[in-house]
Amino acid sequence: MSRKLYLVITAAGSGTRMGSATPKQFLCLGGKAILQRTIEVFVRAVPDVKVVTVLPKDHMDQWKQYCLENSFTQPQLLVEGGITRFHSVRNALARIPEGAIVAVHDGVRPLVSEKLIRGMVAKMSSTRALIPVIPSVDTLKLLSKDSEGHLQTIEGQAIDRSQVWCAQTPQMFLSEDIKAAYAQAFDTSFTDDASVAAKAGIPLGWCEGERYNLKITTKEDLRLAEALLHFQI
């Protein structure tokens, strides 16, 4: 029996780096809320996907009202976010059955392609976890801050850029694996779902991500996303 895809959309952040009173996932991109665009691309890629949207408690009614006013009728299970991303994902996983594929995706990555999503779902038939990554294109420096906030060189350490890759979402897992991984106690080393899975001993698979699958966290990111959307890159 083939596994059904469950999409966990993490959209419980406050978006303080955006400098807006409106959480970034609700900001407009090309005439639609960023969150709507993110969900829509998954629905186009996998029409029978089950969507679990994790939101801040104080903004659930706002999202319901937005969907009503904009005729966004995609069925969603709304889940209240936790104190960290880890706890938000854990809350969502509690609502997902065994025997599924789980894709965890940032609600503010609306430019992910249908091609990447479909390709990853297909590869999940032969792996337990799949993480999209892109190579680092920048020269990397190891620096520290002194007590006054000035940057200082860390002597005697270097980074081989050829071995540095940047992780993206969606990150996909077998539901029984990722649910078990999130049963662990929270650890500050958990920066994404892959790090949670790795600590639980789940073998990770990797695939090429997409340069334009950017995470919109600042006003500059939003302007770049608007340009990319305009030119349909």
Protein backbone atom coordinates (compact mmCIF):
# COMPACT_ATOMS: atom_id res chain seq x y z
CA MET A 1 0.00 0.00 0.00
CA SER A 2 1.39 3.39 -0.97
CA ARG A 3 1.90 5.97 1.76
CA LYS A 4 -0.15 9.15 1.81
CA LEU A 5 1.69 12.47 2.07
CA TYR A 6 1.05 14.62 5.13
CA LEU A 7 2.38 18.17 4.98
CA VAL A 8 3.33 19.92 8.20
CA ILE A 9 3.54 23.65 7.51
CA THR A 10 5.47 25.44 10.24
CA ALA A 11 4.02 28.94 10.47
CA ALA A 12 4.00 29.59 14.21
CA GLY A 13 6.77 32.20 14.27
CA SER A 14 6.28 35.86 15.08
CA GLY A 15 8.61 37.12 12.34
CA THR A 16 10.39 39.76 14.41
CA ARG A 17 13.23 40.08 11.87
CA MET A 18 10.72 41.28 9.28
CA GLY A 19 10.02 44.35 11.41
CA SER A 20 6.29 44.12 10.74
CA ALA A 21 3.31 44.03 13.09
CA THR A 22 1.87 41.32 10.83
CA PRO A 23 3.50 37.87 11.11
CA LYS A 24 5.55 37.30 7.96
CA GLN A 25 3.54 34.23 6.89
CA PHE A 26 0.48 36.49 6.46
CA LEU A 27 2.24 39.17 4.43
CA CYS A 28 1.22 39.59 0.79
CA LEU A 29 3.32 38.15 -2.03
CA GLY A 30 1.96 38.66 -5.53
CA GLY A 31 -1.57 39.27 -4.29
CA LYS A 32 -1.74 36.33 -1.88
CA ALA A 33 -0.56 35.61 1.63
CA ILE A 34 2.84 33.92 1.67
CA LEU A 35 1.32 31.02 3.62
CA GLN A 36 -1.38 30.48 0.98
CA ARG A 37 1.21 30.36 -1.80
CA THR A 38 3.27 27.83 0.16
CA ILE A 39 0.34 25.49 0.69
CA GLU A 40 -0.86 25.84 -2.91
CA VAL A 41 2.39 24.63 -4.47
CA PHE A 42 2.18 21.38 -2.49
CA VAL A 43 -1.45 20.88 -3.47
CA ARG A 44 -0.55 21.34 -7.14
CA ALA A 45 2.32 18.87 -6.79
CA VAL A 46 0.40 16.24 -4.79
CA PRO A 47 -3.34 16.96 -5.05
CA ASP A 48 -4.38 14.51 -2.30
CA VAL A 49 -1.88 15.83 0.25
CA LYS A 50 -3.16 16.23 3.80
CA VAL A 51 -2.24 19.64 5.21
CA VAL A 52 -1.46 20.32 8.87
CA THR A 53 -0.86 24.04 9.44
CA VAL A 54 0.87 25.09 12.65
CA LEU A 55 0.02 28.65 13.69
CA PRO A 56 0.50 30.98 16.64
CA LYS A 57 -2.45 30.63 19.01
CA ASP A 58 -3.22 34.35 18.79
CA HIS A 59 -3.39 34.30 14.97
CA MET A 60 -5.52 31.24 14.27
CA ASP A 61 -8.70 33.29 13.90
CA GLN A 62 -6.87 35.71 11.62
CA TRP A 63 -5.91 32.86 9.28
CA LYS A 64 -9.43 31.42 9.31
CA GLN A 65 -10.81 34.84 8.43
CA TYR A 66 -8.24 35.28 5.66
CA CYS A 67 -9.17 31.91 4.12
CA LEU A 68 -12.88 32.81 4.29
CA GLU A 69 -12.45 36.26 2.76
CA ASN A 70 -10.16 35.01 -0.01
CA SER A 71 -12.05 31.81 -0.84
CA PHE A 72 -9.03 29.69 0.06
CA THR A 73 -10.86 26.42 0.61
CA GLN A 74 -7.99 23.94 0.90
CA PRO A 75 -8.82 21.62 3.85
CA GLN A 76 -6.36 22.10 6.69
CA LEU A 77 -5.96 20.78 10.19
CA LEU A 78 -4.92 23.78 12.30
CA VAL A 79 -2.56 23.09 15.18
CA GLU A 80 -1.37 25.47 17.86
CA GLY A 81 2.35 26.20 17.86
CA GLY A 82 4.65 25.53 20.80
CA ILE A 83 7.33 27.52 22.56
CA THR A 84 9.94 26.50 19.94
CA ARG A 85 9.84 25.11 16.41
CA PHE A 86 10.61 21.68 17.90
CA HIS A 87 7.50 21.81 20.07
CA SER A 88 5.39 23.12 17.18
CA VAL A 89 6.37 20.20 14.94
CA ARG A 90 5.81 17.77 17.81
CA ASN A 91 2.27 19.14 18.24
CA ALA A 92 1.58 18.58 14.54
CA LEU A 93 3.03 15.06 14.47
CA ALA A 94 0.64 14.03 17.23
CA ARG A 95 -2.16 14.45 14.66
CA ILE A 96 -0.55 12.34 11.93
CA PRO A 97 -1.10 8.57 11.61
CA GLU A 98 1.49 5.84 11.18
CA GLY A 99 2.23 4.56 7.69
CA ALA A 100 2.49 8.00 6.06
CA ILE A 101 5.18 10.18 4.54
CA VAL A 102 5.63 13.41 6.47
CA ALA A 103 6.96 16.54 4.77
CA VAL A 104 7.88 19.34 7.15
CA HIS A 105 8.12 22.67 5.34
CA ASP A 106 8.65 26.28 6.37
CA GLY A 107 5.50 28.30 5.80
CA VAL A 108 7.63 31.13 4.43
CA ARG A 109 9.27 29.13 1.62
CA PRO A 110 6.62 29.71 -1.06
CA LEU A 111 8.95 29.41 -4.08
CA VAL A 112 9.73 25.71 -3.72
CA SER A 113 8.96 23.98 -7.02
CA GLU A 114 6.41 21.29 -7.76
CA LYS A 115 9.23 19.36 -9.45
CA LEU A 116 11.29 19.18 -6.25
CA ILE A 117 8.28 18.10 -4.19
CA ARG A 118 7.25 15.34 -6.60
CA GLY A 119 10.82 14.13 -6.99
CA MET A 120 11.31 13.89 -3.24
CA VAL A 121 8.05 12.02 -2.73
CA ALA A 122 9.09 9.50 -5.38
CA LYS A 123 12.48 8.96 -3.70
CA MET A 124 10.81 8.28 -0.34
CA SER A 125 9.95 4.79 -1.60
CA SER A 126 13.60 3.83 -1.10
CA THR A 127 14.76 5.93 1.86
CA ARG A 128 13.67 6.77 5.40
CA ALA A 129 14.53 10.45 5.36
CA LEU A 130 15.31 12.95 2.61
CA ILE A 131 16.78 16.41 3.06
CA PRO A 132 17.25 18.96 0.22
CA VAL A 133 20.58 20.80 0.34
CA ILE A 134 22.43 23.35 -1.78
CA PRO A 135 26.19 23.97 -1.84
CA SER A 136 27.55 27.04 -0.10
CA VAL A 137 28.66 29.66 -2.62
CA ASP A 138 30.20 32.09 -0.13
CA THR A 139 33.61 32.04 1.49
CA LEU A 140 32.98 31.16 5.13
CA LYS A 141 34.68 32.68 8.17
CA LEU A 142 34.68 31.51 11.78
CA LEU A 143 34.29 34.59 13.99
CA SER A 144 33.30 35.38 17.54
CA LYS A 145 31.97 38.51 19.24
CA ASP A 146 33.74 40.17 22.15
CA SER A 147 31.96 41.70 25.13
CA GLU A 148 31.29 44.88 23.16
CA GLY A 149 29.86 43.04 20.17
CA HIS A 150 32.89 43.45 17.92
CA LEU A 151 33.74 40.60 15.56
CA GLN A 152 36.99 38.76 16.26
CA THR A 153 38.94 36.18 14.26
CA ILE A 154 39.05 32.65 15.66
CA GLU A 155 42.65 31.66 15.05
CA GLY A 156 43.78 28.25 13.84
CA GLN A 157 40.45 27.15 12.33
CA ALA A 158 39.37 27.01 8.72
CA ILE A 159 36.31 25.81 6.83
CA ASP A 160 36.45 23.79 3.63
CA ARG A 161 33.61 25.35 1.63
CA SER A 162 33.36 22.31 -0.63
CA GLN A 163 32.09 20.31 2.36
CA VAL A 164 29.52 22.89 3.50
CA TRP A 165 25.94 22.51 2.30
CA CYS A 166 22.88 24.52 3.30
CA ALA A 167 19.79 22.57 4.34
CA GLN A 168 16.35 23.55 3.12
CA THR A 169 12.80 22.30 3.47
CA PRO A 170 10.69 20.31 2.77
CA GLN A 171 12.36 17.60 4.82
CA MET A 172 10.64 14.25 4.39
CA PHE A 173 10.43 11.25 6.71
CA LEU A 174 8.47 8.09 7.33
CA SER A 175 5.86 9.04 9.91
CA GLU A 176 6.81 6.30 12.38
CA ASP A 177 10.44 7.44 12.31
CA ILE A 178 9.91 11.16 12.77
CA LYS A 179 7.20 10.71 15.40
CA ALA A 180 9.59 8.54 17.42
CA ALA A 181 12.41 11.05 16.94
CA TYR A 182 10.25 13.87 18.28
CA ALA A 183 9.52 11.83 21.39
CA GLN A 184 13.04 12.79 22.51
CA ALA A 185 13.59 15.58 25.00
CA PHE A 186 14.24 18.98 23.48
CA ASP A 187 17.89 19.81 22.79
CA THR A 188 19.28 23.21 21.75
CA SER A 189 21.19 21.43 18.96
CA PHE A 190 17.89 20.76 17.18
CA THR A 191 17.98 23.40 14.45
CA ASP A 192 15.81 21.49 11.96
CA ASP A 193 13.97 18.19 11.63
CA ALA A 194 17.04 16.47 10.20
CA SER A 195 19.00 17.20 13.37
CA VAL A 196 16.19 15.70 15.46
CA ALA A 197 16.10 12.60 13.24
CA ALA A 198 19.88 12.22 13.25
CA LYS A 199 20.07 12.21 17.04
CA ALA A 200 17.45 9.46 17.07
CA GLY A 201 19.66 7.36 14.78
CA ILE A 202 17.55 7.70 11.65
CA PRO A 203 19.77 7.48 8.53
CA LEU A 204 19.48 10.62 6.42
CA GLY A 205 19.34 10.78 2.66
CA TRP A 206 20.22 13.91 0.68
CA CYS A 207 19.09 15.47 -2.58
CA GLU A 208 19.84 18.66 -4.49
CA GLY A 209 17.69 21.54 -3.34
CA GLU A 210 16.91 24.74 -5.20
CA ARG A 211 18.72 28.09 -5.10
CA TYR A 212 15.46 30.03 -5.26
CA ASN A 213 13.73 28.04 -2.51
CA LEU A 214 14.50 30.88 -0.15
CA LYS A 215 13.12 31.38 3.34
CA ILE A 216 11.50 34.79 3.64
CA THR A 217 12.64 36.26 6.95
CA THR A 218 13.50 39.89 6.18
CA LYS A 219 12.15 42.74 4.06
CA GLU A 220 15.01 42.14 1.62
CA ASP A 221 13.96 38.50 1.26
CA LEU A 222 10.41 39.59 0.52
CA ARG A 223 11.55 42.00 -2.20
CA LEU A 224 13.68 39.27 -3.75
CA ALA A 225 10.77 36.81 -3.66
CA GLU A 226 8.55 39.39 -5.36
CA ALA A 227 11.13 39.79 -8.14
CA LEU A 228 11.52 36.03 -8.57
CA LEU A 229 7.75 35.55 -8.66
CA HIS A 230 7.40 38.32 -11.26
CA PHE A 231 9.89 36.64 -13.57
CA GLN A 232 8.58 33.18 -12.67
CA ILE A 233 12.06 31.79 -11.90
